Amino acid sequence: MTATEAYEMHAAMRHFGVRGTVEPVIPGDAAGAWRVIGEAGRDVTARVLAEVTAARGRRPERGFVVAR
């Protein structure tokens, strides 16, 4: 993922409460590829991407429907 996509991923992770750290694949190369590192220090980019995508697709579970 690019730096722009990494920024958007980090924002979505914070919004949905997904844990992990977004960092460049090559330390110090902000223009290169980025990945998500889990708490165990492993690359979990694919899992987090799937989790964020699923969270974005969910509808709110609470709320009101007002018919006019």
PDB file of N, CA and C in Angstrom:
ATOM      1  N   MET A   1       0.840  -1.153   0.000  1.00  0.00           N
ATOM      2  CA  MET A   1       0.000   0.000   0.000  1.00  0.00           C
ATOM      3  C   MET A   1       0.894   1.228   0.000  1.00  0.00           C
ATOM      4  N   THR A   2       0.404   2.305  -0.583  1.00  0.00           N
ATOM      5  CA  THR A   2       1.171   3.545  -0.673  1.00  0.00           C
ATOM      6  C   THR A   2       1.043   4.342   0.623  1.00  0.00           C
ATOM      7  N   ALA A   3       1.785   5.436   0.717  1.00  0.00           N
ATOM      8  CA  ALA A   3       1.734   6.274   1.915  1.00  0.00           C
ATOM      9  C   ALA A   3       0.331   6.863   2.110  1.00  0.00           C
ATOM     10  N   THR A   4      -0.330   7.259   1.037  1.00  0.00           N
ATOM     11  CA  THR A   4      -1.689   7.804   1.127  1.00  0.00           C
ATOM     12  C   THR A   4      -2.661   6.737   1.607  1.00  0.00           C
ATOM     13  N   GLU A   5      -2.549   5.538   1.054  1.00  0.00           N
ATOM     14  CA  GLU A   5      -3.401   4.429   1.482  1.00  0.00           C
ATOM     15  C   GLU A   5      -3.118   4.053   2.934  1.00  0.00           C
ATOM     16  N   ALA A   6      -1.857   4.148   3.346  1.00  0.00           N
ATOM     17  CA  ALA A   6      -1.486   3.846   4.729  1.00  0.00           C
ATOM     18  C   ALA A   6      -2.129   4.843   5.681  1.00  0.00           C
ATOM     19  N   TYR A   7      -2.166   6.110   5.297  1.00  0.00           N
ATOM     20  CA  TYR A   7      -2.810   7.137   6.124  1.00  0.00           C
ATOM     21  C   TYR A   7      -4.302   6.827   6.285  1.00  0.00           C
ATOM     22  N   GLU A   8      -4.950   6.488   5.163  1.00  0.00           N
ATOM     23  CA  GLU A   8      -6.378   6.152   5.207  1.00  0.00           C
ATOM     24  C   GLU A   8      -6.617   4.881   6.019  1.00  0.00           C
ATOM     25  N   MET A   9      -5.731   3.903   5.896  1.00  0.00           N
ATOM     26  CA  MET A   9      -5.859   2.655   6.660  1.00  0.00           C
ATOM     27  C   MET A   9      -5.739   2.947   8.151  1.00  0.00           C
ATOM     28  N   HIS A  10      -4.768   3.768   8.536  1.00  0.00           N
ATOM     29  CA  HIS A  10      -4.576   4.096   9.943  1.00  0.00           C
ATOM     30  C   HIS A  10      -5.809   4.798  10.504  1.00  0.00           C
ATOM     31  N   ALA A  11      -6.377   5.726   9.741  1.00  0.00           N
ATOM     32  CA  ALA A  11      -7.587   6.425  10.190  1.00  0.00           C
ATOM     33  C   ALA A  11      -8.746   5.446  10.362  1.00  0.00           C
ATOM     34  N   ALA A  12      -8.914   4.518   9.419  1.00  0.00           N
ATOM     35  CA  ALA A  12      -9.989   3.522   9.510  1.00  0.00           C
ATOM     36  C   ALA A  12      -9.757   2.576  10.682  1.00  0.00           C
ATOM     37  N   MET A  13      -8.517   2.202  10.913  1.00  0.00           N
ATOM     38  CA  MET A  13      -8.203   1.325  12.039  1.00  0.00           C
ATOM     39  C   MET A  13      -8.574   1.997  13.353  1.00  0.00           C
ATOM     40  N   ARG A  14      -8.241   3.269  13.502  1.00  0.00           N
ATOM     41  CA  ARG A  14      -8.601   4.000  14.721  1.00  0.00           C
ATOM     42  C   ARG A  14     -10.110   4.111  14.847  1.00  0.00           C
ATOM     43  N   HIS A  15     -10.788   4.402  13.746  1.00  0.00           N
ATOM     44  CA  HIS A  15     -12.238   4.571  13.760  1.00  0.00           C
ATOM     45  C   HIS A  15     -12.959   3.297  14.196  1.00  0.00           C
ATOM     46  N   PHE A  16     -12.513   2.154  13.692  1.00  0.00           N
ATOM     47  CA  PHE A  16     -13.180   0.888  13.974  1.00  0.00           C
ATOM     48  C   PHE A  16     -12.541   0.097  15.124  1.00  0.00           C
ATOM     49  N   GLY A  17     -11.515   0.639  15.750  1.00  0.00           N
ATOM     50  CA  GLY A  17     -10.893  -0.026  16.890  1.00  0.00           C
ATOM     51  C   GLY A  17     -10.044  -1.232  16.533  1.00  0.00           C
ATOM     52  N   VAL A  18      -9.465  -1.229  15.341  1.00  0.00           N
ATOM     53  CA  VAL A  18      -8.614  -2.336  14.898  1.00  0.00           C
ATOM     54  C   VAL A  18      -7.188  -2.039  15.353  1.00  0.00           C
ATOM     55  N   ARG A  19      -6.563  -3.005  16.026  1.00  0.00           N
ATOM     56  CA  ARG A  19      -5.213  -2.808  16.547  1.00  0.00           C
ATOM     57  C   ARG A  19      -4.158  -3.107  15.490  1.00  0.00           C
ATOM     58  N   GLY A  20      -3.037  -2.423  15.609  1.00  0.00           N
ATOM     59  CA  GLY A  20      -1.914  -2.628  14.715  1.00  0.00           C
ATOM     60  C   GLY A  20      -1.173  -1.327  14.493  1.00  0.00           C
ATOM     61  N   THR A  21       0.002  -1.426  13.891  1.00  0.00           N
ATOM     62  CA  THR A  21       0.833  -0.269  13.603  1.00  0.00           C
ATOM     63  C   THR A  21       1.088  -0.234  12.104  1.00  0.00           C
ATOM     64  N   VAL A  22       0.872   0.914  11.494  1.00  0.00           N
ATOM     65  CA  VAL A  22       1.128   1.085  10.069  1.00  0.00           C
ATOM     66  C   VAL A  22       2.528   1.676   9.927  1.00  0.00           C
ATOM     67  N   GLU A  23       3.378   0.981   9.155  1.00  0.00           N
ATOM     68  CA  GLU A  23       4.762   1.440   8.997  1.00  0.00           C
ATOM     69  C   GLU A  23       5.286   1.068   7.618  1.00  0.00           C
ATOM     70  N   PRO A  24       6.339   1.771   7.162  1.00  0.00           N
ATOM     71  CA  PRO A  24       6.930   1.428   5.857  1.00  0.00           C
ATOM     72  C   PRO A  24       7.582   0.048   5.903  1.00  0.00           C
ATOM     73  N   VAL A  25       7.526  -0.647   4.782  1.00  0.00           N
ATOM     74  CA  VAL A  25       8.169  -1.967   4.685  1.00  0.00           C
ATOM     75  C   VAL A  25       9.683  -1.808   4.887  1.00  0.00           C
ATOM     76  N   ILE A  26      10.266  -0.792   4.250  1.00  0.00           N
ATOM     77  CA  ILE A  26      11.683  -0.476   4.432  1.00  0.00           C
ATOM     78  C   ILE A  26      11.740   0.738   5.357  1.00  0.00           C
ATOM     79  N   PRO A  27      12.224   0.568   6.582  1.00  0.00           N
ATOM     80  CA  PRO A  27      12.248   1.682   7.538  1.00  0.00           C
ATOM     81  C   PRO A  27      12.914   2.933   6.953  1.00  0.00           C
ATOM     82  N   GLY A  28      12.235   4.056   7.110  1.00  0.00           N
ATOM     83  CA  GLY A  28      12.760   5.328   6.614  1.00  0.00           C
ATOM     84  C   GLY A  28      12.391   5.642   5.179  1.00  0.00           C
ATOM     85  N   ASP A  29      11.781   4.711   4.462  1.00  0.00           N
ATOM     86  CA  ASP A  29      11.386   4.936   3.064  1.00  0.00           C
ATOM     87  C   ASP A  29       9.891   5.218   3.004  1.00  0.00           C
ATOM     88  N   ALA A  30       9.511   6.461   3.300  1.00  0.00           N
ATOM     89  CA  ALA A  30       8.095   6.834   3.334  1.00  0.00           C
ATOM     90  C   ALA A  30       7.447   6.788   1.948  1.00  0.00           C
ATOM     91  N   ALA A  31       8.239   6.873   0.897  1.00  0.00           N
ATOM     92  CA  ALA A  31       7.695   6.842  -0.462  1.00  0.00           C
ATOM     93  C   ALA A  31       7.457   5.416  -0.965  1.00  0.00           C
ATOM     94  N   GLY A  32       7.950   4.424  -0.247  1.00  0.00           N
ATOM     95  CA  GLY A  32       7.819   3.033  -0.668  1.00  0.00           C
ATOM     96  C   GLY A  32       6.529   2.397  -0.177  1.00  0.00           C
ATOM     97  N   ALA A  33       6.523   1.085  -0.169  1.00  0.00           N
ATOM     98  CA  ALA A  33       5.347   0.317   0.264  1.00  0.00           C
ATOM     99  C   ALA A  33       5.213   0.354   1.785  1.00  0.00           C
ATOM    100  N   TRP A  34       3.965   0.229   2.251  1.00  0.00           N
ATOM    101  CA  TRP A  34       3.658   0.234   3.680  1.00  0.00           C
ATOM    102  C   TRP A  34       2.955  -1.056   4.044  1.00  0.00           C
ATOM    103  N   ARG A  35       2.945  -1.380   5.342  1.00  0.00           N
ATOM    104  CA  ARG A  35       2.295  -2.588   5.835  1.00  0.00           C
ATOM    105  C   ARG A  35       1.747  -2.330   7.245  1.00  0.00           C
ATOM    106  N   VAL A  36       0.949  -3.286   7.724  1.00  0.00           N
ATOM    107  CA  VAL A  36       0.417  -3.225   9.084  1.00  0.00           C
ATOM    108  C   VAL A  36       1.084  -4.322   9.895  1.00  0.00           C
ATOM    109  N   ILE A  37       1.621  -3.935  11.045  1.00  0.00           N
ATOM    110  CA  ILE A  37       2.291  -4.881  11.931  1.00  0.00           C
ATOM    111  C   ILE A  37       1.402  -5.095  13.149  1.00  0.00           C
ATOM    112  N   GLY A  38       1.154  -6.361  13.487  1.00  0.00           N
ATOM    113  CA  GLY A  38       0.328  -6.706  14.638  1.00  0.00           C
ATOM    114  C   GLY A  38       1.112  -6.662  15.931  1.00  0.00           C
ATOM    115  N   GLU A  39       0.424  -6.935  17.035  1.00  0.00           N
ATOM    116  CA  GLU A  39       1.045  -6.897  18.352  1.00  0.00           C
ATOM    117  C   GLU A  39       2.176  -7.905  18.500  1.00  0.00           C
ATOM    118  N   ALA A  40       2.110  -9.017  17.776  1.00  0.00           N
ATOM    119  CA  ALA A  40       3.156 -10.038  17.862  1.00  0.00           C
ATOM    120  C   ALA A  40       4.352  -9.717  16.968  1.00  0.00           C
ATOM    121  N   GLY A  41       4.309  -8.574  16.257  1.00  0.00           N
ATOM    122  CA  GLY A  41       5.410  -8.184  15.392  1.00  0.00           C
ATOM    123  C   GLY A  41       5.350  -8.780  13.997  1.00  0.00           C
ATOM    124  N   ARG A  42       4.216  -9.343  13.628  1.00  0.00           N
ATOM    125  CA  ARG A  42       4.059  -9.965  12.307  1.00  0.00           C
ATOM    126  C   ARG A  42       3.278  -9.060  11.359  1.00  0.00           C
ATOM    127  N   ASP A  43       3.486  -9.273  10.068  1.00  0.00           N
ATOM    128  CA  ASP A  43       2.749  -8.540   9.044  1.00  0.00           C
ATOM    129  C   ASP A  43       1.315  -9.061   8.994  1.00  0.00           C
ATOM    130  N   VAL A  44       0.355  -8.198   9.314  1.00  0.00           N
ATOM    131  CA  VAL A  44      -1.060  -8.586   9.329  1.00  0.00           C
ATOM    132  C   VAL A  44      -1.874  -7.706   8.379  1.00  0.00           C
ATOM    133  N   THR A  45      -1.230  -7.187   7.340  1.00  0.00           N
ATOM    134  CA  THR A  45      -1.869  -6.253   6.418  1.00  0.00           C
ATOM    135  C   THR A  45      -3.128  -6.845   5.792  1.00  0.00           C
ATOM    136  N   ALA A  46      -3.058  -8.056   5.291  1.00  0.00           N
ATOM    137  CA  ALA A  46      -4.213  -8.666   4.616  1.00  0.00           C
ATOM    138  C   ALA A  46      -5.389  -8.840   5.574  1.00  0.00           C
ATOM    139  N   ARG A  47      -5.118  -9.298   6.786  1.00  0.00           N
ATOM    140  CA  ARG A  47      -6.178  -9.499   7.773  1.00  0.00           C
ATOM    141  C   ARG A  47      -6.828  -8.174   8.166  1.00  0.00           C
ATOM    142  N   VAL A  48      -6.006  -7.161   8.396  1.00  0.00           N
ATOM    143  CA  VAL A  48      -6.542  -5.850   8.795  1.00  0.00           C
ATOM    144  C   VAL A  48      -7.325  -5.229   7.657  1.00  0.00           C
ATOM    145  N   LEU A  49      -6.844  -5.355   6.431  1.00  0.00           N
ATOM    146  CA  LEU A  49      -7.575  -4.829   5.284  1.00  0.00           C
ATOM    147  C   LEU A  49      -8.947  -5.479   5.183  1.00  0.00           C
ATOM    148  N   ALA A  50      -9.020  -6.795   5.355  1.00  0.00           N
ATOM    149  CA  ALA A  50     -10.301  -7.499   5.318  1.00  0.00           C
ATOM    150  C   ALA A  50     -11.202  -7.055   6.466  1.00  0.00           C
ATOM    151  N   GLU A  51     -10.623  -6.870   7.641  1.00  0.00           N
ATOM    152  CA  GLU A  51     -11.401  -6.464   8.810  1.00  0.00           C
ATOM    153  C   GLU A  51     -11.978  -5.054   8.639  1.00  0.00           C
ATOM    154  N   VAL A  52     -11.171  -4.130   8.125  1.00  0.00           N
ATOM    155  CA  VAL A  52     -11.635  -2.758   7.895  1.00  0.00           C
ATOM    156  C   VAL A  52     -12.693  -2.724   6.794  1.00  0.00           C
ATOM    157  N   THR A  53     -12.497  -3.492   5.747  1.00  0.00           N
ATOM    158  CA  THR A  53     -13.473  -3.545   4.660  1.00  0.00           C
ATOM    159  C   THR A  53     -14.809  -4.076   5.164  1.00  0.00           C
ATOM    160  N   ALA A  54     -14.779  -5.110   5.976  1.00  0.00           N
ATOM    161  CA  ALA A  54     -16.012  -5.666   6.537  1.00  0.00           C
ATOM    162  C   ALA A  54     -16.681  -4.663   7.475  1.00  0.00           C
ATOM    163  N   ALA A  55     -15.890  -3.944   8.262  1.00  0.00           N
ATOM    164  CA  ALA A  55     -16.450  -2.962   9.201  1.00  0.00           C
ATOM    165  C   ALA A  55     -17.110  -1.817   8.448  1.00  0.00           C
ATOM    166  N   ARG A  56     -16.528  -1.402   7.340  1.00  0.00           N
ATOM    167  CA  ARG A  56     -17.121  -0.321   6.540  1.00  0.00           C
ATOM    168  C   ARG A  56     -18.451  -0.750   5.923  1.00  0.00           C
ATOM    169  N   GLY A  57     -18.596  -2.033   5.643  1.00  0.00           N
ATOM    170  CA  GLY A  57     -19.810  -2.535   5.013  1.00  0.00           C
ATOM    171  C   GLY A  57     -20.955  -2.798   5.968  1.00  0.00           C
ATOM    172  N   ARG A  58     -20.673  -2.818   7.274  1.00  0.00           N
ATOM    173  CA  ARG A  58     -21.733  -3.072   8.253  1.00  0.00           C
ATOM    174  C   ARG A  58     -22.641  -1.865   8.384  1.00  0.00           C
ATOM    175  N   ARG A  59     -23.895  -2.153   8.632  1.00  0.00           N
ATOM    176  CA  ARG A  59     -24.860  -1.100   8.896  1.00  0.00           C
ATOM    177  C   ARG A  59     -24.952  -0.898  10.403  1.00  0.00           C
ATOM    178  N   PRO A  60     -25.339   0.277  10.816  1.00  0.00           N
ATOM    179  CA  PRO A  60     -25.505   0.508  12.250  1.00  0.00           C
ATOM    180  C   PRO A  60     -26.526  -0.452  12.848  1.00  0.00           C
ATOM    181  N   GLU A  61     -26.270  -0.923  14.049  1.00  0.00           N
ATOM    182  CA  GLU A  61     -27.160  -1.861  14.703  1.00  0.00           C
ATOM    183  C   GLU A  61     -28.216  -1.178  15.561  1.00  0.00           C
ATOM    184  N   ARG A  62     -28.033   0.082  15.806  1.00  0.00           N
ATOM    185  CA  ARG A  62     -28.993   0.847  16.601  1.00  0.00           C
ATOM    186  C   ARG A  62     -29.458   2.045  15.788  1.00  0.00           C
ATOM    187  N   GLY A  63     -30.607   2.564  16.179  1.00  0.00           N
ATOM    188  CA  GLY A  63     -31.080   3.771  15.520  1.00  0.00           C
ATOM    189  C   GLY A  63     -32.581   3.747  15.356  1.00  0.00           C
ATOM    190  N   PHE A  64     -33.074   4.773  14.730  1.00  0.00           N
ATOM    191  CA  PHE A  64     -34.494   4.905  14.528  1.00  0.00           C
ATOM    192  C   PHE A  64     -34.781   5.078  13.050  1.00  0.00           C
ATOM    193  N   VAL A  65     -35.929   4.539  12.642  1.00  0.00           N
ATOM    194  CA  VAL A  65     -36.394   4.745  11.287  1.00  0.00           C
ATOM    195  C   VAL A  65     -37.662   5.576  11.401  1.00  0.00           C
ATOM    196  N   VAL A  66     -37.653   6.720  10.750  1.00  0.00           N
ATOM    197  CA  VAL A  66     -38.792   7.628  10.815  1.00  0.00           C
ATOM    198  C   VAL A  66     -39.418   7.677   9.434  1.00  0.00           C
ATOM    199  N   ALA A  67     -40.672   7.223   9.346  1.00  0.00           N
ATOM    200  CA  ALA A  67     -41.397   7.259   8.061  1.00  0.00           C
ATOM    201  C   ALA A  67     -42.162   8.556   7.976  1.00  0.00           C
ATOM    202  N   ARG A  68     -42.154   9.169   6.828  1.00  0.00           N
ATOM    203  CA  ARG A  68     -42.900  10.419   6.627  1.00  0.00           C
ATOM    204  C   ARG A  68     -44.034  10.209   5.688  1.00  0.00           C
TER     205      ARG A  68
END
